[in-house]
């Protein structure tokens, strides 16, 4: 597990969020964790899955 600190005041961060944001349901906009991880080359691992 890693901790990531994001400077949400950085204009570059806002442009990434705008690029990746999708409408999850009417009136609710968000970013998929998998898309954000892909953008930053971070591998997502589901620790709840059985091997």
Protein backbone atom coordinates (compact mmCIF):
# COMPACT_ATOMS: atom_id res chain seq x y z
CA UNK A 1 0.00 0.00 0.00
CA UNK A 2 1.23 3.50 -0.79
CA UNK A 3 0.05 6.93 0.20
CA UNK A 4 -0.26 9.57 -2.48
CA UNK A 5 -0.43 13.26 -1.64
CA UNK A 6 -1.98 15.42 -4.35
CA UNK A 7 -1.68 19.18 -4.58
CA UNK A 8 -5.25 19.94 -5.59
CA UNK A 9 -4.39 23.61 -6.10
CA UNK A 10 -2.08 22.78 -9.02
CA UNK A 11 -3.65 23.72 -12.38
CA UNK A 12 -2.22 20.52 -13.91
CA UNK A 13 -4.21 18.44 -11.45
CA UNK A 14 -7.43 20.18 -12.41
CA UNK A 15 -6.80 19.57 -16.11
CA UNK A 16 -6.24 15.85 -15.45
CA UNK A 17 -9.47 15.64 -13.45
CA UNK A 18 -11.39 17.47 -16.20
CA UNK A 19 -9.96 15.09 -18.82
CA UNK A 20 -10.89 11.95 -16.86
CA UNK A 21 -14.20 13.02 -15.32
CA UNK A 22 -17.36 11.21 -16.32
CA UNK A 23 -20.99 11.47 -15.32
CA UNK A 24 -21.58 8.58 -12.90
CA UNK A 25 -25.29 9.25 -12.68
CA UNK A 26 -27.38 12.30 -13.56
CA UNK A 27 -25.89 15.28 -11.76
CA UNK A 28 -22.96 13.33 -10.25
CA UNK A 29 -19.53 13.67 -11.86
CA UNK A 30 -16.47 11.71 -10.76
CA UNK A 31 -13.28 10.00 -11.81
CA UNK A 32 -12.77 6.24 -11.94
CA UNK A 33 -9.92 5.17 -9.67
CA UNK A 34 -8.65 2.83 -12.40
CA UNK A 35 -8.42 5.72 -14.90
CA UNK A 36 -6.57 7.91 -12.39
CA UNK A 37 -4.13 5.09 -11.58
CA UNK A 38 -3.53 4.47 -15.28
CA UNK A 39 -2.77 8.18 -15.79
CA UNK A 40 -0.13 8.07 -13.03
CA UNK A 41 1.16 4.57 -13.93
CA UNK A 42 0.04 3.13 -10.59
CA UNK A 43 -1.05 -0.51 -10.52
CA UNK A 44 -4.33 -1.14 -8.73
CA UNK A 45 -4.53 -4.42 -6.85
CA UNK A 46 -7.73 -5.85 -5.40
CA UNK A 47 -6.69 -7.45 -2.10
CA UNK A 48 -10.20 -8.87 -1.60
CA UNK A 49 -9.85 -11.38 -4.44
CA UNK A 50 -8.87 -14.95 -3.60
CA UNK A 51 -5.84 -16.28 -5.47
